[in-house]
Protein backbone atom coordinates (compact mmCIF):
# COMPACT_ATOMS: atom_id res chain seq x y z
CA UNK A 1 18.32 -6.72 -9.42
CA UNK A 2 20.29 -9.82 -8.56
CA UNK A 3 20.06 -13.36 -9.81
CA UNK A 4 18.55 -15.83 -7.37
CA UNK A 5 21.89 -17.63 -7.08
CA UNK A 6 23.97 -14.50 -6.44
CA UNK A 7 25.22 -13.76 -2.95
CA UNK A 8 23.66 -10.55 -1.66
CA UNK A 9 25.55 -8.30 0.72
CA UNK A 10 23.81 -5.63 2.74
CA UNK A 11 26.11 -2.65 3.16
CA UNK A 12 25.90 0.34 5.45
CA UNK A 13 28.38 3.13 4.81
CA UNK A 14 28.60 6.70 6.00
CA UNK A 15 29.63 9.87 4.21
CA UNK A 16 29.97 13.54 5.04
CA UNK A 17 26.67 14.23 3.37
CA UNK A 18 24.86 11.55 5.37
CA UNK A 19 24.49 7.81 5.60
CA UNK A 20 23.81 5.63 2.60
CA UNK A 21 22.25 2.19 2.42
CA UNK A 22 22.05 -0.22 -0.45
CA UNK A 23 22.32 -3.72 -1.86
CA UNK A 24 25.62 -4.83 -3.32
CA UNK A 25 26.34 -8.09 -5.09
CA UNK A 26 29.55 -9.85 -4.22
CA UNK A 27 30.04 -13.01 -6.24
CA UNK A 28 33.67 -13.41 -5.13
CA UNK A 29 33.07 -13.47 -1.41
CA UNK A 30 32.48 -16.88 0.12
CA UNK A 31 30.14 -17.20 3.05
CA UNK A 32 31.63 -18.75 6.17
CA UNK A 33 28.27 -20.10 7.24
CA UNK A 34 27.20 -21.84 4.02
CA UNK A 35 25.51 -18.71 2.70
CA UNK A 36 23.02 -18.63 5.56
CA UNK A 37 22.92 -15.38 7.48
CA UNK A 38 20.78 -14.14 10.27
CA UNK A 39 17.89 -12.36 8.58
CA UNK A 40 17.63 -8.70 9.36
CA UNK A 41 21.24 -8.30 10.56
CA UNK A 42 23.52 -5.55 9.17
CA UNK A 43 26.18 -6.71 6.72
CA UNK A 44 24.41 -10.05 6.38
CA UNK A 45 25.64 -12.37 3.65
CA UNK A 46 22.90 -14.66 2.42
CA UNK A 47 22.08 -16.72 -0.63
CA UNK A 48 18.49 -16.10 -1.63
CA UNK A 49 16.24 -19.04 -2.48
CA UNK A 50 15.38 -19.61 -6.12
CA UNK A 51 12.67 -17.39 -7.57
CA UNK A 52 10.94 -20.60 -8.62
CA UNK A 53 9.68 -20.65 -5.04
CA UNK A 54 8.36 -17.10 -5.12
CA UNK A 55 6.91 -17.08 -1.60
CA UNK A 56 10.13 -18.24 0.07
CA UNK A 57 12.30 -15.99 -2.13
CA UNK A 58 10.09 -12.96 -1.46
CA UNK A 59 9.99 -13.39 2.32
CA UNK A 60 13.74 -13.94 2.54
CA UNK A 61 14.45 -10.91 0.33
CA UNK A 62 12.37 -8.60 2.52
CA UNK A 63 14.11 -9.85 5.66
CA UNK A 64 17.66 -9.92 4.30
CA UNK A 65 17.32 -6.46 2.76
CA UNK A 66 15.85 -5.19 6.05
CA UNK A 67 12.65 -3.88 4.48
CA UNK A 68 9.94 -5.47 6.64
CA UNK A 69 9.93 -8.06 9.41
CA UNK A 70 6.90 -10.35 9.30
CA UNK A 71 7.57 -12.02 12.66
CA UNK A 72 5.15 -9.73 14.50
CA UNK A 73 2.78 -11.91 16.59
CA UNK A 74 -0.38 -10.88 14.67
CA UNK A 75 -0.89 -12.58 11.32
CA UNK A 76 -0.87 -10.19 8.38
CA UNK A 77 0.81 -7.34 10.27
CA UNK A 78 4.46 -6.44 9.71
CA UNK A 79 7.10 -4.18 11.22
CA UNK A 80 9.07 -1.81 9.00
CA UNK A 81 12.83 -1.91 9.49
CA UNK A 82 14.38 1.60 9.56
CA UNK A 83 15.92 0.98 6.13
CA UNK A 84 12.59 -0.17 4.70
CA UNK A 85 10.81 2.79 6.26
CA UNK A 86 13.31 5.14 4.59
CA UNK A 87 12.45 3.54 1.24
CA UNK A 88 8.76 4.00 1.99
CA UNK A 89 9.28 7.70 2.75
CA UNK A 90 11.10 8.14 -0.56
CA UNK A 91 8.19 6.50 -2.40
CA UNK A 92 5.77 8.80 -0.57
CA UNK A 93 7.86 11.70 -1.84
CA UNK A 94 7.21 10.66 -5.44
CA UNK A 95 3.47 10.35 -4.79
CA UNK A 96 3.32 13.80 -3.23
CA UNK A 97 5.36 15.31 -6.05
CA UNK A 98 2.87 13.95 -8.59
CA UNK A 99 -0.32 14.84 -6.71
CA UNK A 100 0.43 18.05 -4.83
CA UNK A 101 0.21 20.38 -7.88
CA UNK A 102 -3.60 20.05 -7.93
CA UNK A 103 -4.56 17.86 -4.94
CA UNK A 104 -4.56 18.70 -1.25
CA UNK A 105 -3.31 16.15 1.26
CA UNK A 106 -5.57 15.46 4.21
CA UNK A 107 -6.26 12.78 6.81
CA UNK A 108 -9.55 11.27 7.92
CA UNK A 109 -10.17 9.31 11.14
CA UNK A 110 -9.44 5.60 11.30
CA UNK A 111 -12.78 4.67 12.88
CA UNK A 112 -16.12 4.94 11.09
CA UNK A 113 -19.47 4.73 12.96
CA UNK A 114 -21.53 1.71 11.96
CA UNK A 115 -24.53 3.84 10.96
CA UNK A 116 -22.37 5.87 8.54
CA UNK A 117 -20.57 2.78 7.30
CA UNK A 118 -23.83 1.01 6.44
CA UNK A 119 -25.35 4.00 4.60
CA UNK A 120 -23.25 3.29 1.53
CA UNK A 121 -24.27 -0.32 1.04
CA UNK A 122 -22.95 -0.35 -2.52
CA UNK A 123 -19.51 0.91 -1.53
CA UNK A 124 -19.00 -1.64 1.23
CA UNK A 125 -20.25 -4.59 -0.76
CA UNK A 126 -17.51 -7.19 -0.63
CA UNK A 127 -15.97 -5.74 2.52
CA UNK A 128 -18.57 -7.02 5.00
CA UNK A 129 -16.57 -10.11 5.95
CA UNK A 130 -13.29 -8.17 6.18
CA UNK A 131 -14.25 -5.46 8.67
CA UNK A 132 -12.66 -5.16 12.11
CA UNK A 133 -15.19 -3.78 14.61
CA UNK A 134 -14.46 -1.86 17.81
CA UNK A 135 -17.27 -2.73 20.21
CA UNK A 136 -15.95 -1.55 23.60
CA UNK A 137 -14.24 1.49 25.06
CA UNK A 138 -12.24 0.04 27.91
CA UNK A 139 -14.75 -2.31 29.56
CA UNK A 140 -17.84 -0.34 28.48
CA UNK A 141 -19.79 -1.45 25.40
CA UNK A 142 -20.13 1.28 22.79
CA UNK A 143 -23.58 2.55 21.82
CA UNK A 144 -22.49 2.49 18.17
CA UNK A 145 -19.93 0.02 16.83
CA UNK A 146 -16.92 1.56 15.09
CA UNK A 147 -15.37 0.04 11.97
CA UNK A 148 -11.63 0.21 11.37
CA UNK A 149 -11.62 1.54 7.82
CA UNK A 150 -11.14 -1.10 5.11
CA UNK A 151 -11.43 1.85 2.68
CA UNK A 152 -12.48 5.44 3.28
CA UNK A 153 -15.46 6.33 1.09
CA UNK A 154 -17.91 6.17 4.00
CA UNK A 155 -15.65 8.39 6.10
CA UNK A 156 -14.91 10.96 3.40
CA UNK A 157 -18.17 11.48 1.53
CA UNK A 158 -20.30 12.68 4.47
CA UNK A 159 -17.69 15.41 4.98
CA UNK A 160 -17.77 16.29 1.27
CA UNK A 161 -21.48 17.00 1.71
CA UNK A 162 -20.60 19.57 4.37
CA UNK A 163 -17.69 21.11 2.48
CA UNK A 164 -19.30 21.51 -0.95
CA UNK A 165 -22.02 24.16 -0.89
CA UNK A 166 -22.02 25.30 -4.53
CA UNK A 167 -20.34 24.86 -7.92
CA UNK A 168 -17.77 27.41 -6.75
CA UNK A 169 -16.32 24.72 -4.47
CA UNK A 170 -15.64 22.40 -7.42
CA UNK A 171 -13.55 20.65 -8.41
CA UNK A 172 -12.46 19.29 -5.04
CA UNK A 173 -9.38 17.06 -5.10
CA UNK A 174 -7.86 15.47 -2.01
CA UNK A 175 -5.72 12.47 -1.12
CA UNK A 176 -4.45 10.74 1.98
CA UNK A 177 -1.84 8.11 2.86
CA UNK A 178 -3.11 6.10 5.81
CA UNK A 179 -3.42 2.68 7.43
CA UNK A 180 -6.38 0.47 6.55
CA UNK A 181 -7.48 -2.82 8.08
CA UNK A 182 -9.00 -5.87 6.43
CA UNK A 183 -9.58 -9.24 8.02
CA UNK A 184 -7.89 -11.29 5.32
CA UNK A 185 -8.63 -14.98 5.72
CA UNK A 186 -6.54 -16.05 2.73
CA UNK A 187 -2.78 -16.56 2.79
CA UNK A 188 -1.22 -13.23 3.80
CA UNK A 189 1.98 -11.92 2.22
CA UNK A 190 4.03 -8.87 3.34
CA UNK A 191 3.28 -5.69 1.35
CA UNK A 192 0.90 -7.60 -0.97
CA UNK A 193 -1.92 -9.10 1.10
CA UNK A 194 -2.12 -7.80 4.66
CA UNK A 195 -4.53 -7.34 7.52
CA UNK A 196 -3.03 -3.92 8.22
CA UNK A 197 -2.12 -2.00 5.07
CA UNK A 198 0.35 0.61 6.27
CA UNK A 199 0.77 2.46 2.96
CA UNK A 200 -2.75 2.94 1.63
CA UNK A 201 -2.85 5.93 -0.72
CA UNK A 202 -6.28 7.02 -1.90
CA UNK A 203 -7.29 10.09 -3.90
CA UNK A 204 -10.87 11.33 -4.07
CA UNK A 205 -12.15 14.06 -6.37
CA UNK A 206 -15.52 15.74 -6.94
CA UNK A 207 -16.53 17.36 -10.24
CA UNK A 208 -19.45 19.30 -11.68
CA UNK A 209 -20.00 16.88 -14.58
CA UNK A 210 -19.51 13.21 -15.40
CA UNK A 211 -17.24 14.20 -18.29
CA UNK A 212 -14.90 16.13 -15.98
CA UNK A 213 -14.75 13.14 -13.65
CA UNK A 214 -13.89 10.81 -16.55
CA UNK A 215 -11.16 13.22 -17.67
CA UNK A 216 -9.72 13.13 -14.15
CA UNK A 217 -9.51 9.33 -14.39
CA UNK A 218 -7.30 9.66 -17.47
CA UNK A 219 -5.10 12.22 -15.70
CA UNK A 220 -4.76 9.84 -12.76
CA UNK A 221 -3.78 6.94 -15.01
CA UNK A 222 -1.04 9.06 -16.58
CA UNK A 223 0.32 10.10 -13.18
CA UNK A 224 0.30 6.63 -11.69
CA UNK A 225 1.92 5.30 -14.85
CA UNK A 226 4.71 7.82 -14.33
CA UNK A 227 4.94 6.73 -10.70
CA UNK A 228 5.53 3.08 -11.61
CA UNK A 229 7.87 3.99 -14.46
CA UNK A 230 10.03 6.04 -12.09
CA UNK A 231 10.24 3.02 -9.79
CA UNK A 232 11.06 0.76 -12.78
CA UNK A 233 8.07 -1.47 -11.97
CA UNK A 234 6.29 -3.09 -14.95
CA UNK A 235 2.50 -2.73 -14.93
CA UNK A 236 -0.66 -3.19 -16.97
CA UNK A 237 -3.57 -0.75 -17.30
CA UNK A 238 -6.96 -2.37 -17.90
CA UNK A 239 -10.66 -1.62 -17.73
CA UNK A 240 -12.35 -4.12 -15.47
CA UNK A 241 -15.37 -6.13 -16.70
CA UNK A 242 -18.68 -5.22 -15.07
CA UNK A 243 -18.53 -8.18 -12.68
CA UNK A 244 -15.14 -7.01 -11.34
CA UNK A 245 -15.68 -3.27 -11.03
CA UNK A 246 -15.46 -1.43 -7.71
CA UNK A 247 -18.80 -1.51 -5.86
CA UNK A 248 -20.91 1.52 -6.78
CA UNK A 249 -18.73 2.55 -9.73
CA UNK A 250 -19.88 3.26 -13.28
CA UNK A 251 -16.66 1.61 -14.43
CA UNK A 252 -13.28 0.68 -12.95
CA UNK A 253 -9.86 1.18 -14.51
CA UNK A 254 -7.04 -0.60 -12.72
CA UNK A 255 -3.26 -0.69 -12.76
CA UNK A 256 -1.91 -4.17 -12.05
CA UNK A 257 1.68 -5.01 -11.19
CA UNK A 258 3.01 -8.35 -12.41
CA UNK A 259 4.81 -10.44 -9.79
CA UNK A 260 7.87 -12.59 -10.64
CA UNK A 261 5.61 -15.66 -10.52
CA UNK A 262 3.43 -14.14 -13.26
CA UNK A 263 0.51 -13.30 -10.96
CA UNK A 264 -0.95 -9.84 -10.31
């Protein structure tokens, strides 16, 4: 981590074992352009804004460090720089390491038929105003509208009904890492509030009893806690009040990450 007033130098160096990328602080080097560098350029030397202005500091950090570029011409959708994408792949590696021992990775389609999407009214409560709908194929109107998944319960659970024929098929534990889409009307922010979430990890499990399902929740909390600890990210675990639980849930336990501005 670097102080908001420290010059940040992006370095790219090669070695026999492969290329390495990283952030290096260089307090002795003076910038020849008043500390202002072209965002997203290799070996850029830039002075980050103060963290007091979290939004400006955060956007400049992501650009200067070449993590994501938010200049894509659709609001709330970003482009991953190669360096940022490499970081993302490393993070995925940790997730898979933690889940693969007893979960199976899978992938469900992006589009969900409207009739299936609307069957689970409880699960989609709160998402109605955020859904992107595909209504045409080329120039031909579709007989059934297709939702771009805001979340995947309505895509996954109909398949569970086909896969699970008896208690012998339980427990069933799967996960996927996919893109999701939500029509965010509030202020968007890269990696935090997006219209296209490009790193959406969701795990779904099925159990014979409520008690086994509750036990799985505790196992999941322990694993995700390890995940954040390994990334050195501070977090809080809390049980949501009834008015803030996930639609259709008996109860919701959440892990919140605290931003530098004190918000979650």
